[in-house]
Amino acid sequence: MGEISNAHKFELIVRFSTAALTLCLVVVGICYTVETRRMRIAAESEMEMFKKQFQYSMMPDLYPSVASKKFVTKLVMDGKITQQFEKKDLTKEELVKFIKHYVAIENVGNRCAYDAYLYLYNSDTKSFMKAPTCKVYVTPEKPTTVIFTDDKIYYITKSDIVKEVKKQYNINIDSVDNYLKLKDKNCLFLFYKDIQGKVYLRTRGFVSDDEGNVIHVNTDFFELN
């Protein structure tokens, strides 16, 4: 009986050891699977972050800014802004009054921007204006300039802006209001694309004080496709 008992105990020990070893292997396998998945997710996240950083480092990055009335007046009086409009000849004083906003567009990125379209929201009249021409490309080397005048032909509705964005970039935006954060401030809307066809929107709000000085109050950036 003693031998049978010992054999039975040995069998139990073997079974217990086998079960324990199997359990350990299962636990190790689960831990390995979980850790591998965690590492894969972390690696994918890191890769996506690297891609975004690379994209941001290579893409054009445009900033529009509005010049003060004093600066515009000086440029006109110094002959650095001349009449370029289909109007009768204007004196320098008349030209200063005719120019509503003088906007510089600076590309602080590393690549050229293409098909830059600029619109301006006037908080006083709740109306929109469009720049007389688009900029085919904006290089990082030097700023380019856009002049908004009092000419009524450049006023545009919000729905027309949506249509123009669809036509120029083949993308849909629901409403310009979605990107207008401060309706009590003037705002620039600068649409542009990179060489790969990605479309971006930079908005920048601004106000003018009683002396004609311009203060830029906020800026936002959107990837539209």
C-alpha atoms as a PDB file:
ATOM      1  CA  MET A   1       0.000   0.000   0.000  1.00  0.00           C
ATOM      2  CA  GLY A   2       2.890   2.334   0.850  1.00  0.00           C
ATOM      3  CA  GLU A   3       4.361   1.949  -2.625  1.00  0.00           C
ATOM      4  CA  ILE A   4       0.994   2.708  -4.250  1.00  0.00           C
ATOM      5  CA  SER A   5       0.591   5.722  -2.037  1.00  0.00           C
ATOM      6  CA  ASN A   6       4.033   7.025  -2.922  1.00  0.00           C
ATOM      7  CA  ALA A   7       3.366   6.456  -6.624  1.00  0.00           C
ATOM      8  CA  HIS A   8       0.080   8.309  -6.300  1.00  0.00           C
ATOM      9  CA  LYS A   9       1.802  11.205  -4.541  1.00  0.00           C
ATOM     10  CA  PHE A  10       4.462  11.292  -7.245  1.00  0.00           C
ATOM     11  CA  GLU A  11       1.773  11.374  -9.936  1.00  0.00           C
ATOM     12  CA  LEU A  12       0.032  14.236  -8.166  1.00  0.00           C
ATOM     13  CA  ILE A  13       3.297  16.115  -7.875  1.00  0.00           C
ATOM     14  CA  VAL A  14       3.974  15.603 -11.577  1.00  0.00           C
ATOM     15  CA  ARG A  15       0.465  16.744 -12.510  1.00  0.00           C
ATOM     16  CA  PHE A  16       0.678  19.769 -10.221  1.00  0.00           C
ATOM     17  CA  SER A  17       4.119  20.660 -11.569  1.00  0.00           C
ATOM     18  CA  THR A  18       2.899  20.293 -15.137  1.00  0.00           C
ATOM     19  CA  ALA A  19      -0.172  22.442 -14.453  1.00  0.00           C
ATOM     20  CA  ALA A  20       1.929  25.067 -12.680  1.00  0.00           C
ATOM     21  CA  LEU A  21       4.460  25.112 -15.513  1.00  0.00           C
ATOM     22  CA  THR A  22       1.647  25.373 -18.087  1.00  0.00           C
ATOM     23  CA  LEU A  23       0.068  28.229 -16.131  1.00  0.00           C
ATOM     24  CA  CYS A  24       3.418  29.990 -15.933  1.00  0.00           C
ATOM     25  CA  LEU A  25       3.895  29.605 -19.683  1.00  0.00           C
ATOM     26  CA  VAL A  26       0.377  30.953 -20.319  1.00  0.00           C
ATOM     27  CA  VAL A  27       0.994  33.941 -18.027  1.00  0.00           C
ATOM     28  CA  VAL A  28       4.356  34.598 -19.672  1.00  0.00           C
ATOM     29  CA  GLY A  29       2.712  34.316 -23.098  1.00  0.00           C
ATOM     30  CA  ILE A  30      -0.037  36.754 -22.148  1.00  0.00           C
ATOM     31  CA  CYS A  31       2.469  39.199 -20.652  1.00  0.00           C
ATOM     32  CA  TYR A  32       4.626  38.916 -23.777  1.00  0.00           C
ATOM     33  CA  THR A  33       1.592  39.509 -26.027  1.00  0.00           C
ATOM     34  CA  VAL A  34       0.450  42.512 -23.981  1.00  0.00           C
ATOM     35  CA  GLU A  35       3.953  43.992 -23.863  1.00  0.00           C
ATOM     36  CA  THR A  36       4.490  43.395 -27.567  1.00  0.00           C
ATOM     37  CA  ARG A  37       1.191  45.093 -28.381  1.00  0.00           C
ATOM     38  CA  ARG A  38       2.026  47.986 -26.081  1.00  0.00           C
ATOM     39  CA  MET A  39       5.421  48.390 -27.728  1.00  0.00           C
ATOM     40  CA  ARG A  40       3.852  48.211 -31.194  1.00  0.00           C
ATOM     41  CA  ILE A  41       1.270  50.867 -30.296  1.00  0.00           C
ATOM     42  CA  ALA A  42       4.004  53.058 -28.831  1.00  0.00           C
ATOM     43  CA  ALA A  43       6.144  52.565 -31.934  1.00  0.00           C
ATOM     44  CA  GLU A  44       3.216  53.401 -34.246  1.00  0.00           C
ATOM     45  CA  SER A  45       2.395  56.477 -32.171  1.00  0.00           C
ATOM     46  CA  GLU A  46       6.018  57.564 -32.259  1.00  0.00           C
ATOM     47  CA  MET A  47       6.132  57.020 -36.019  1.00  0.00           C
ATOM     48  CA  GLU A  48       2.962  59.096 -36.519  1.00  0.00           C
ATOM     49  CA  MET A  49       4.452  61.853 -34.379  1.00  0.00           C
ATOM     50  CA  PHE A  50       7.655  61.715 -36.422  1.00  0.00           C
ATOM     51  CA  LYS A  51       5.646  61.909 -39.658  1.00  0.00           C
ATOM     52  CA  LYS A  52       3.739  64.949 -38.382  1.00  0.00           C
ATOM     53  CA  GLN A  53       6.929  66.645 -37.218  1.00  0.00           C
ATOM     54  CA  PHE A  54       8.525  65.936 -40.595  1.00  0.00           C
ATOM     55  CA  GLN A  55       5.441  67.229 -42.401  1.00  0.00           C
ATOM     56  CA  TYR A  56       5.364  70.397 -40.305  1.00  0.00           C
ATOM     57  CA  SER A  57       9.083  70.975 -40.832  1.00  0.00           C
ATOM     58  CA  MET A  58       8.706  70.632 -44.601  1.00  0.00           C
ATOM     59  CA  MET A  59       5.429  72.437 -45.207  1.00  0.00           C
ATOM     60  CA  PRO A  60       4.927  76.142 -45.975  1.00  0.00           C
ATOM     61  CA  ASP A  61       3.724  78.183 -43.008  1.00  0.00           C
ATOM     62  CA  LEU A  62       2.184  81.520 -43.909  1.00  0.00           C
ATOM     63  CA  TYR A  63       1.489  84.421 -41.560  1.00  0.00           C
ATOM     64  CA  PRO A  64      -0.455  87.467 -42.778  1.00  0.00           C
ATOM     65  CA  SER A  65      -0.082  90.750 -40.916  1.00  0.00           C
ATOM     66  CA  VAL A  66      -1.692  94.151 -41.399  1.00  0.00           C
ATOM     67  CA  ALA A  67       0.427  97.295 -41.542  1.00  0.00           C
ATOM     68  CA  SER A  68      -0.490 100.376 -39.534  1.00  0.00           C
ATOM     69  CA  LYS A  69      -1.941 103.394 -41.337  1.00  0.00           C
ATOM     70  CA  LYS A  70       1.153 105.442 -40.441  1.00  0.00           C
ATOM     71  CA  PHE A  71       3.412 102.873 -42.094  1.00  0.00           C
ATOM     72  CA  VAL A  72       1.232 102.737 -45.208  1.00  0.00           C
ATOM     73  CA  THR A  73       1.221 106.544 -45.410  1.00  0.00           C
ATOM     74  CA  LYS A  74       5.017 106.609 -45.192  1.00  0.00           C
ATOM     75  CA  LEU A  75       5.356 103.994 -47.940  1.00  0.00           C
ATOM     76  CA  VAL A  76       3.047 105.963 -50.226  1.00  0.00           C
ATOM     77  CA  MET A  77       4.758 109.289 -49.540  1.00  0.00           C
ATOM     78  CA  ASP A  78       8.177 107.668 -50.129  1.00  0.00           C
ATOM     79  CA  GLY A  79       6.966 106.299 -53.451  1.00  0.00           C
ATOM     80  CA  LYS A  80       7.255 102.653 -52.361  1.00  0.00           C
ATOM     81  CA  ILE A  81       3.535 102.083 -52.896  1.00  0.00           C
ATOM     82  CA  THR A  82       2.287 103.409 -56.200  1.00  0.00           C
ATOM     83  CA  GLN A  83      -1.084 103.331 -57.919  1.00  0.00           C
ATOM     84  CA  GLN A  84      -1.731  99.926 -59.480  1.00  0.00           C
ATOM     85  CA  PHE A  85      -5.482 100.101 -59.883  1.00  0.00           C
ATOM     86  CA  GLU A  86      -7.747 100.719 -62.860  1.00  0.00           C
ATOM     87  CA  LYS A  87      -8.746 104.112 -61.563  1.00  0.00           C
ATOM     88  CA  LYS A  88      -8.143 107.697 -62.543  1.00  0.00           C
ATOM     89  CA  ASP A  89      -4.865 109.117 -61.351  1.00  0.00           C
ATOM     90  CA  LEU A  90      -4.837 109.662 -57.603  1.00  0.00           C
ATOM     91  CA  THR A  91      -2.680 111.991 -55.590  1.00  0.00           C
ATOM     92  CA  LYS A  92      -0.617 110.425 -52.823  1.00  0.00           C
ATOM     93  CA  GLU A  93      -3.076 111.713 -50.248  1.00  0.00           C
ATOM     94  CA  GLU A  94      -5.991 110.190 -52.183  1.00  0.00           C
ATOM     95  CA  LEU A  95      -4.100 106.921 -52.560  1.00  0.00           C
ATOM     96  CA  VAL A  96      -3.575 106.684 -48.792  1.00  0.00           C
ATOM     97  CA  LYS A  97      -7.329 107.027 -48.259  1.00  0.00           C
ATOM     98  CA  PHE A  98      -8.091 104.587 -51.079  1.00  0.00           C
ATOM     99  CA  ILE A  99      -5.970 101.823 -49.487  1.00  0.00           C
ATOM    100  CA  LYS A 100      -8.094 100.162 -46.843  1.00  0.00           C
ATOM    101  CA  HIS A 101      -5.601  97.510 -45.634  1.00  0.00           C
ATOM    102  CA  TYR A 102      -2.008  96.751 -46.576  1.00  0.00           C
ATOM    103  CA  VAL A 103      -1.175  93.111 -45.757  1.00  0.00           C
ATOM    104  CA  ALA A 104       2.211  91.398 -45.747  1.00  0.00           C
ATOM    105  CA  ILE A 105       2.325  87.610 -46.077  1.00  0.00           C
ATOM    106  CA  GLU A 106       5.434  85.966 -44.637  1.00  0.00           C
ATOM    107  CA  ASN A 107       6.339  82.330 -45.239  1.00  0.00           C
ATOM    108  CA  VAL A 108       8.197  81.092 -42.144  1.00  0.00           C
ATOM    109  CA  GLY A 109       8.215  77.473 -43.372  1.00  0.00           C
ATOM    110  CA  ASN A 110      10.791  75.685 -45.511  1.00  0.00           C
ATOM    111  CA  ARG A 111       8.788  75.215 -48.707  1.00  0.00           C
ATOM    112  CA  CYS A 112       6.887  77.360 -51.179  1.00  0.00           C
ATOM    113  CA  ALA A 113       3.153  77.853 -50.747  1.00  0.00           C
ATOM    114  CA  TYR A 114       0.916  77.765 -53.789  1.00  0.00           C
ATOM    115  CA  ASP A 115      -2.401  79.363 -54.766  1.00  0.00           C
ATOM    116  CA  ALA A 116      -2.647  81.648 -51.755  1.00  0.00           C
ATOM    117  CA  TYR A 117      -6.074  83.302 -51.529  1.00  0.00           C
ATOM    118  CA  LEU A 118      -6.662  86.012 -48.944  1.00  0.00           C
ATOM    119  CA  TYR A 119      -9.987  87.230 -47.557  1.00  0.00           C
ATOM    120  CA  LEU A 120     -10.676  89.854 -44.904  1.00  0.00           C
ATOM    121  CA  TYR A 121     -13.562  90.090 -42.457  1.00  0.00           C
ATOM    122  CA  ASN A 122     -14.503  93.597 -41.300  1.00  0.00           C
ATOM    123  CA  SER A 123     -16.100  93.477 -37.850  1.00  0.00           C
ATOM    124  CA  ASP A 124     -17.607  96.974 -38.168  1.00  0.00           C
ATOM    125  CA  THR A 125     -19.625  96.257 -41.310  1.00  0.00           C
ATOM    126  CA  LYS A 126     -19.842  92.452 -40.813  1.00  0.00           C
ATOM    127  CA  SER A 127     -18.716  92.101 -44.425  1.00  0.00           C
ATOM    128  CA  PHE A 128     -16.004  90.194 -46.273  1.00  0.00           C
ATOM    129  CA  MET A 129     -13.499  91.338 -48.869  1.00  0.00           C
ATOM    130  CA  LYS A 130     -11.254  89.339 -51.160  1.00  0.00           C
ATOM    131  CA  ALA A 131      -7.757  90.244 -52.278  1.00  0.00           C
ATOM    132  CA  PRO A 132      -7.653  91.578 -55.858  1.00  0.00           C
ATOM    133  CA  THR A 133      -5.434  88.681 -56.986  1.00  0.00           C
ATOM    134  CA  CYS A 134      -4.212  85.356 -55.624  1.00  0.00           C
ATOM    135  CA  LYS A 135      -0.528  84.692 -55.100  1.00  0.00           C
ATOM    136  CA  VAL A 136       0.618  81.853 -57.349  1.00  0.00           C
ATOM    137  CA  TYR A 137       3.361  81.024 -54.866  1.00  0.00           C
ATOM    138  CA  VAL A 138       4.880  82.497 -51.723  1.00  0.00           C
ATOM    139  CA  THR A 139       8.539  81.695 -51.099  1.00  0.00           C
ATOM    140  CA  PRO A 140      10.338  81.570 -47.724  1.00  0.00           C
ATOM    141  CA  GLU A 141      12.898  84.145 -48.865  1.00  0.00           C
ATOM    142  CA  LYS A 142      10.819  87.313 -48.656  1.00  0.00           C
ATOM    143  CA  PRO A 143       7.314  88.471 -47.735  1.00  0.00           C
ATOM    144  CA  THR A 144       4.757  89.295 -50.388  1.00  0.00           C
ATOM    145  CA  THR A 145       2.145  92.011 -50.086  1.00  0.00           C
ATOM    146  CA  VAL A 146      -1.571  92.382 -50.780  1.00  0.00           C
ATOM    147  CA  ILE A 147      -3.551  95.607 -50.903  1.00  0.00           C
ATOM    148  CA  PHE A 148      -7.253  95.835 -50.032  1.00  0.00           C
ATOM    149  CA  THR A 149      -8.957  98.947 -51.363  1.00  0.00           C
ATOM    150  CA  ASP A 150     -12.337 100.609 -50.933  1.00  0.00           C
ATOM    151  CA  ASP A 151     -13.350  99.374 -54.375  1.00  0.00           C
ATOM    152  CA  LYS A 152     -16.762  97.687 -53.964  1.00  0.00           C
ATOM    153  CA  ILE A 153     -15.998  95.015 -56.582  1.00  0.00           C
ATOM    154  CA  TYR A 154     -13.842  93.213 -54.024  1.00  0.00           C
ATOM    155  CA  TYR A 155     -16.627  92.686 -51.481  1.00  0.00           C
ATOM    156  CA  ILE A 156     -17.801  89.081 -51.304  1.00  0.00           C
ATOM    157  CA  THR A 157     -20.374  87.014 -49.404  1.00  0.00           C
ATOM    158  CA  LYS A 158     -19.609  84.086 -47.101  1.00  0.00           C
ATOM    159  CA  SER A 159     -21.326  81.636 -49.444  1.00  0.00           C
ATOM    160  CA  ASP A 160     -19.214  82.907 -52.353  1.00  0.00           C
ATOM    161  CA  ILE A 161     -16.061  82.236 -50.335  1.00  0.00           C
ATOM    162  CA  VAL A 162     -17.240  78.657 -49.756  1.00  0.00           C
ATOM    163  CA  LYS A 163     -17.811  78.276 -53.511  1.00  0.00           C
ATOM    164  CA  GLU A 164     -14.389  79.725 -54.369  1.00  0.00           C
ATOM    165  CA  VAL A 165     -12.635  77.394 -51.925  1.00  0.00           C
ATOM    166  CA  LYS A 166     -14.450  74.454 -53.525  1.00  0.00           C
ATOM    167  CA  LYS A 167     -13.454  75.626 -57.004  1.00  0.00           C
ATOM    168  CA  GLN A 168      -9.819  76.430 -56.219  1.00  0.00           C
ATOM    169  CA  TYR A 169      -8.941  73.540 -53.900  1.00  0.00           C
ATOM    170  CA  ASN A 170     -11.682  70.965 -54.530  1.00  0.00           C
ATOM    171  CA  ILE A 171     -12.575  70.797 -50.837  1.00  0.00           C
ATOM    172  CA  ASN A 172     -15.760  71.614 -48.956  1.00  0.00           C
ATOM    173  CA  ILE A 173     -15.991  73.897 -45.950  1.00  0.00           C
ATOM    174  CA  ASP A 174     -19.397  74.186 -44.305  1.00  0.00           C
ATOM    175  CA  SER A 175     -19.149  77.839 -43.398  1.00  0.00           C
ATOM    176  CA  VAL A 176     -16.566  80.557 -42.958  1.00  0.00           C
ATOM    177  CA  ASP A 177     -18.138  81.239 -39.558  1.00  0.00           C
ATOM    178  CA  ASN A 178     -16.693  77.933 -38.297  1.00  0.00           C
ATOM    179  CA  TYR A 179     -13.239  79.532 -38.461  1.00  0.00           C
ATOM    180  CA  LEU A 180     -14.203  82.987 -37.215  1.00  0.00           C
ATOM    181  CA  LYS A 181     -13.442  82.820 -33.487  1.00  0.00           C
ATOM    182  CA  LEU A 182     -13.791  86.526 -32.585  1.00  0.00           C
ATOM    183  CA  LYS A 183     -16.653  88.139 -34.476  1.00  0.00           C
ATOM    184  CA  ASP A 184     -16.050  91.490 -32.814  1.00  0.00           C
ATOM    185  CA  LYS A 185     -12.528  91.669 -34.332  1.00  0.00           C
ATOM    186  CA  ASN A 186     -11.323  92.018 -37.903  1.00  0.00           C
ATOM    187  CA  CYS A 187      -9.875  88.777 -39.283  1.00  0.00           C
ATOM    188  CA  LEU A 188      -7.683  87.646 -42.168  1.00  0.00           C
ATOM    189  CA  PHE A 189      -8.439  84.313 -43.851  1.00  0.00           C
ATOM    190  CA  LEU A 190      -5.459  82.965 -45.786  1.00  0.00           C
ATOM    191  CA  PHE A 191      -6.006  79.746 -47.762  1.00  0.00           C
ATOM    192  CA  TYR A 192      -3.039  78.044 -49.444  1.00  0.00           C
ATOM    193  CA  LYS A 193      -1.653  74.652 -50.399  1.00  0.00           C
ATOM    194  CA  ASP A 194       1.710  72.885 -50.528  1.00  0.00           C
ATOM    195  CA  ILE A 195       3.345  71.087 -53.441  1.00  0.00           C
ATOM    196  CA  GLN A 196       1.582  67.841 -52.467  1.00  0.00           C
ATOM    197  CA  GLY A 197      -1.834  69.476 -52.679  1.00  0.00           C
ATOM    198  CA  LYS A 198      -2.536  69.663 -48.938  1.00  0.00           C
ATOM    199  CA  VAL A 199      -4.696  72.691 -48.188  1.00  0.00           C
ATOM    200  CA  TYR A 200      -4.265  74.901 -45.129  1.00  0.00           C
ATOM    201  CA  LEU A 201      -6.012  77.882 -43.598  1.00  0.00           C
ATOM    202  CA  ARG A 202      -4.368  80.483 -41.393  1.00  0.00           C
ATOM    203  CA  THR A 203      -6.666  82.971 -39.670  1.00  0.00           C
ATOM    204  CA  ARG A 204      -5.413  86.046 -37.858  1.00  0.00           C
ATOM    205  CA  GLY A 205      -7.469  88.623 -36.019  1.00  0.00           C
ATOM    206  CA  PHE A 206      -6.537  92.275 -35.648  1.00  0.00           C
ATOM    207  CA  VAL A 207      -7.794  95.587 -34.326  1.00  0.00           C
ATOM    208  CA  SER A 208      -6.764  99.193 -34.908  1.00  0.00           C
ATOM    209  CA  ASP A 209      -6.548 101.789 -32.188  1.00  0.00           C
ATOM    210  CA  ASP A 210      -7.525 105.456 -32.485  1.00  0.00           C
ATOM    211  CA  GLU A 211      -4.072 106.349 -33.791  1.00  0.00           C
ATOM    212  CA  GLY A 212      -4.160 103.763 -36.581  1.00  0.00           C
ATOM    213  CA  ASN A 213      -1.789 101.287 -34.935  1.00  0.00           C
ATOM    214  CA  VAL A 214      -2.617  97.642 -35.657  1.00  0.00           C
ATOM    215  CA  ILE A 215      -2.650  95.006 -32.938  1.00  0.00           C
ATOM    216  CA  HIS A 216      -2.878  91.332 -33.939  1.00  0.00           C
ATOM    217  CA  VAL A 217      -5.010  89.586 -31.343  1.00  0.00           C
ATOM    218  CA  ASN A 218      -5.106  85.899 -32.238  1.00  0.00           C
ATOM    219  CA  THR A 219      -4.120  83.339 -34.853  1.00  0.00           C
ATOM    220  CA  ASP A 220      -5.357  79.848 -35.697  1.00  0.00           C
ATOM    221  CA  PHE A 221      -4.181  77.157 -38.109  1.00  0.00           C
ATOM    222  CA  PHE A 222      -6.278  74.466 -39.827  1.00  0.00           C
ATOM    223  CA  GLU A 223      -5.499  71.539 -42.126  1.00  0.00           C
ATOM    224  CA  LEU A 224      -8.480  71.273 -44.458  1.00  0.00           C
ATOM    225  CA  ASN A 225      -7.809  67.914 -46.149  1.00  0.00           C
END
